[in-house]
């Protein structure tokens, strides 16, 4: 076990067919850490396609590189 605490954040939409497998994965990950908090955001709308989680500490206080952020969206489904 890792002696760190973890927050797992996820966006959920149309997850019913996969929910059991998703929570099995969350359970496996949770067993690795001392304490785990799960934050789920439910969206029944197609308005948003992604969830961006930002760790609000000194690391995220540095100026971001927009090109690095955008590079995460350069793939085909």
N, C-alpha and C. Protein backbone atom coordinates (compact mmCIF):
# COMPACT_ATOMS: atom_id res chain seq x y z
N UNK A 1 0.84 -1.19 0.00
CA UNK A 1 0.00 0.00 0.00
C UNK A 1 0.88 1.24 0.00
N UNK A 2 0.46 2.23 -0.75
CA UNK A 2 1.15 3.51 -0.82
C UNK A 2 0.64 4.38 0.32
N UNK A 3 1.53 5.03 1.04
CA UNK A 3 1.10 5.86 2.18
C UNK A 3 0.71 7.27 1.75
N UNK A 4 -0.08 7.34 0.73
CA UNK A 4 -0.59 8.62 0.26
C UNK A 4 -2.11 8.53 0.15
N UNK A 5 -2.74 9.67 0.16
CA UNK A 5 -4.18 9.75 -0.04
C UNK A 5 -4.43 10.14 -1.49
N UNK A 6 -5.56 9.75 -2.02
CA UNK A 6 -5.85 9.95 -3.44
C UNK A 6 -7.28 10.42 -3.63
N UNK A 7 -7.48 11.34 -4.56
CA UNK A 7 -8.82 11.71 -5.02
C UNK A 7 -8.97 11.19 -6.44
N UNK A 8 -9.98 10.39 -6.66
CA UNK A 8 -10.32 9.92 -8.00
C UNK A 8 -11.49 10.75 -8.48
N UNK A 9 -11.31 11.44 -9.61
CA UNK A 9 -12.37 12.27 -10.17
C UNK A 9 -12.78 11.70 -11.52
N UNK A 10 -14.07 11.66 -11.75
CA UNK A 10 -14.55 11.14 -13.01
C UNK A 10 -15.82 11.80 -13.45
N UNK A 11 -15.97 11.90 -14.76
CA UNK A 11 -17.20 12.41 -15.36
C UNK A 11 -17.97 11.21 -15.88
N UNK A 12 -19.25 11.18 -15.60
CA UNK A 12 -20.04 10.04 -16.06
C UNK A 12 -21.22 10.48 -16.92
N UNK A 13 -21.32 9.80 -18.03
CA UNK A 13 -22.44 9.99 -18.95
C UNK A 13 -22.56 8.71 -19.75
N UNK A 14 -23.72 8.16 -19.81
CA UNK A 14 -23.98 6.92 -20.55
C UNK A 14 -23.05 5.79 -20.09
N UNK A 15 -22.86 5.65 -18.79
CA UNK A 15 -21.91 4.68 -18.26
C UNK A 15 -22.55 3.35 -17.86
N UNK A 16 -23.86 3.25 -17.95
CA UNK A 16 -24.55 2.07 -17.46
C UNK A 16 -23.94 0.75 -17.96
N UNK A 17 -23.61 0.62 -19.24
CA UNK A 17 -23.05 -0.66 -19.70
C UNK A 17 -21.68 -0.98 -19.10
N UNK A 18 -20.98 0.02 -18.58
CA UNK A 18 -19.60 -0.16 -18.13
C UNK A 18 -19.42 0.03 -16.63
N UNK A 19 -20.48 0.38 -15.92
CA UNK A 19 -20.35 0.84 -14.54
C UNK A 19 -19.71 -0.21 -13.63
N UNK A 20 -20.06 -1.48 -13.80
CA UNK A 20 -19.47 -2.52 -12.95
C UNK A 20 -17.96 -2.61 -13.14
N UNK A 21 -17.51 -2.59 -14.38
CA UNK A 21 -16.08 -2.68 -14.66
C UNK A 21 -15.34 -1.43 -14.18
N UNK A 22 -15.99 -0.28 -14.33
CA UNK A 22 -15.38 0.97 -13.88
C UNK A 22 -15.16 0.93 -12.37
N UNK A 23 -16.17 0.49 -11.62
CA UNK A 23 -16.02 0.44 -10.17
C UNK A 23 -15.08 -0.67 -9.72
N UNK A 24 -14.94 -1.73 -10.51
CA UNK A 24 -13.92 -2.74 -10.20
C UNK A 24 -12.53 -2.11 -10.31
N UNK A 25 -12.31 -1.30 -11.35
CA UNK A 25 -11.03 -0.61 -11.50
C UNK A 25 -10.80 0.39 -10.37
N UNK A 26 -11.84 1.14 -10.02
CA UNK A 26 -11.72 2.10 -8.92
C UNK A 26 -11.39 1.36 -7.62
N UNK A 27 -12.01 0.22 -7.41
CA UNK A 27 -11.74 -0.58 -6.22
C UNK A 27 -10.28 -1.04 -6.18
N UNK A 28 -9.77 -1.52 -7.30
CA UNK A 28 -8.37 -1.95 -7.36
C UNK A 28 -7.42 -0.80 -7.08
N UNK A 29 -7.69 0.34 -7.68
CA UNK A 29 -6.84 1.52 -7.45
C UNK A 29 -6.92 1.94 -5.99
N UNK A 30 -8.12 1.93 -5.43
CA UNK A 30 -8.33 2.37 -4.04
C UNK A 30 -7.54 1.53 -3.05
N UNK A 31 -7.38 0.27 -3.34
CA UNK A 31 -6.64 -0.63 -2.43
C UNK A 31 -5.15 -0.28 -2.35
N UNK A 32 -4.67 0.51 -3.30
CA UNK A 32 -3.25 0.88 -3.34
C UNK A 32 -2.91 2.04 -2.42
N UNK A 33 -3.92 2.79 -1.96
CA UNK A 33 -3.69 4.03 -1.23
C UNK A 33 -4.26 3.94 0.18
N UNK A 34 -3.73 4.80 1.06
CA UNK A 34 -4.18 4.84 2.45
C UNK A 34 -5.62 5.32 2.56
N UNK A 35 -5.95 6.34 1.82
CA UNK A 35 -7.30 6.93 1.87
C UNK A 35 -7.67 7.38 0.47
N UNK A 36 -8.91 7.13 0.08
CA UNK A 36 -9.38 7.50 -1.26
C UNK A 36 -10.72 8.21 -1.15
N UNK A 37 -10.84 9.31 -1.86
CA UNK A 37 -12.11 10.01 -2.01
C UNK A 37 -12.46 9.99 -3.48
N UNK A 38 -13.71 9.70 -3.76
CA UNK A 38 -14.17 9.62 -5.15
C UNK A 38 -15.13 10.77 -5.41
N UNK A 39 -14.87 11.52 -6.47
CA UNK A 39 -15.72 12.64 -6.89
C UNK A 39 -16.23 12.32 -8.28
N UNK A 40 -17.54 12.17 -8.41
CA UNK A 40 -18.14 11.89 -9.70
C UNK A 40 -19.01 13.06 -10.13
N UNK A 41 -18.89 13.41 -11.39
CA UNK A 41 -19.70 14.48 -11.97
C UNK A 41 -20.59 13.84 -13.01
N UNK A 42 -21.89 13.92 -12.79
CA UNK A 42 -22.84 13.34 -13.74
C UNK A 42 -23.27 14.40 -14.73
N UNK A 43 -23.25 14.02 -16.00
CA UNK A 43 -23.68 14.95 -17.04
C UNK A 43 -24.59 14.21 -18.00
N UNK A 44 -25.85 14.60 -18.03
CA UNK A 44 -26.79 14.00 -18.98
C UNK A 44 -26.82 14.78 -20.29
N UNK A 45 -25.88 15.69 -20.43
CA UNK A 45 -25.84 16.58 -21.59
C UNK A 45 -24.64 16.24 -22.45
N UNK A 46 -24.77 16.49 -23.75
CA UNK A 46 -23.64 16.34 -24.67
C UNK A 46 -22.85 17.64 -24.77
N UNK A 47 -23.18 18.61 -23.93
CA UNK A 47 -22.54 19.92 -23.99
C UNK A 47 -21.05 19.84 -23.69
N UNK A 48 -20.66 18.97 -22.73
CA UNK A 48 -19.25 18.83 -22.36
C UNK A 48 -18.78 17.43 -22.71
N UNK A 49 -17.59 17.34 -23.27
CA UNK A 49 -17.04 16.04 -23.65
C UNK A 49 -15.91 15.58 -22.74
N UNK A 50 -15.32 16.48 -21.97
CA UNK A 50 -14.16 16.14 -21.16
C UNK A 50 -14.26 16.73 -19.77
N UNK A 51 -13.53 16.12 -18.85
CA UNK A 51 -13.39 16.64 -17.49
C UNK A 51 -11.90 16.89 -17.28
N UNK A 52 -11.54 18.09 -16.95
CA UNK A 52 -10.15 18.44 -16.66
C UNK A 52 -10.02 18.61 -15.15
N UNK A 53 -9.17 17.81 -14.55
CA UNK A 53 -8.94 17.89 -13.12
C UNK A 53 -7.61 18.58 -12.90
N UNK A 54 -7.63 19.62 -12.08
CA UNK A 54 -6.43 20.39 -11.81
C UNK A 54 -6.10 20.27 -10.33
N UNK A 55 -4.90 19.85 -10.03
CA UNK A 55 -4.42 19.78 -8.66
C UNK A 55 -4.04 21.21 -8.26
N UNK A 56 -4.80 21.79 -7.37
CA UNK A 56 -4.66 23.21 -7.04
C UNK A 56 -3.53 23.45 -6.04
N UNK A 57 -2.30 23.25 -6.50
CA UNK A 57 -1.15 23.48 -5.64
C UNK A 57 -0.09 24.28 -6.38
N UNK A 58 1.12 24.29 -5.86
CA UNK A 58 2.17 25.10 -6.45
C UNK A 58 2.52 24.68 -7.88
N UNK A 59 2.37 23.41 -8.20
CA UNK A 59 2.69 22.95 -9.56
C UNK A 59 1.77 23.61 -10.58
N UNK A 60 0.49 23.69 -10.27
CA UNK A 60 -0.47 24.29 -11.20
C UNK A 60 -0.46 25.81 -11.16
N UNK A 61 0.39 26.38 -10.32
CA UNK A 61 0.52 27.83 -10.28
C UNK A 61 1.46 28.34 -11.37
N UNK A 62 2.24 27.41 -11.95
CA UNK A 62 3.14 27.80 -13.04
C UNK A 62 2.34 28.07 -14.31
N UNK A 63 2.84 28.94 -15.14
CA UNK A 63 2.17 29.26 -16.40
C UNK A 63 2.02 27.99 -17.24
N UNK A 64 0.82 27.78 -17.76
CA UNK A 64 0.57 26.57 -18.55
C UNK A 64 1.08 26.76 -19.97
N UNK A 65 1.34 25.64 -20.61
CA UNK A 65 1.70 25.63 -22.02
C UNK A 65 0.47 25.14 -22.77
N UNK A 66 -0.21 26.04 -23.42
CA UNK A 66 -1.47 25.72 -24.10
C UNK A 66 -1.27 24.60 -25.11
N UNK A 67 -0.15 24.60 -25.80
CA UNK A 67 0.13 23.55 -26.78
C UNK A 67 0.13 22.17 -26.13
N UNK A 68 0.64 22.08 -24.92
CA UNK A 68 0.65 20.80 -24.20
C UNK A 68 -0.76 20.35 -23.87
N UNK A 69 -1.60 21.28 -23.46
CA UNK A 69 -2.99 20.93 -23.15
C UNK A 69 -3.70 20.44 -24.42
N UNK A 70 -3.57 21.20 -25.48
CA UNK A 70 -4.25 20.86 -26.73
C UNK A 70 -3.76 19.55 -27.34
N UNK A 71 -2.51 19.19 -27.08
CA UNK A 71 -1.96 17.96 -27.66
C UNK A 71 -2.69 16.72 -27.13
N UNK A 72 -3.34 16.83 -25.99
CA UNK A 72 -4.09 15.70 -25.44
C UNK A 72 -5.37 15.40 -26.21
N UNK A 73 -5.77 16.31 -27.07
CA UNK A 73 -7.01 16.13 -27.82
C UNK A 73 -6.76 15.81 -29.29
N UNK A 74 -5.54 15.45 -29.61
CA UNK A 74 -5.17 15.17 -31.00
C UNK A 74 -5.16 13.66 -31.25
N UNK A 75 -6.34 13.07 -31.28
CA UNK A 75 -6.45 11.65 -31.59
C UNK A 75 -7.81 11.40 -32.21
N UNK A 76 -7.93 10.26 -32.83
CA UNK A 76 -9.21 9.85 -33.44
C UNK A 76 -9.88 8.86 -32.52
N UNK A 77 -11.19 8.99 -32.39
CA UNK A 77 -11.94 8.02 -31.56
C UNK A 77 -11.97 6.72 -32.27
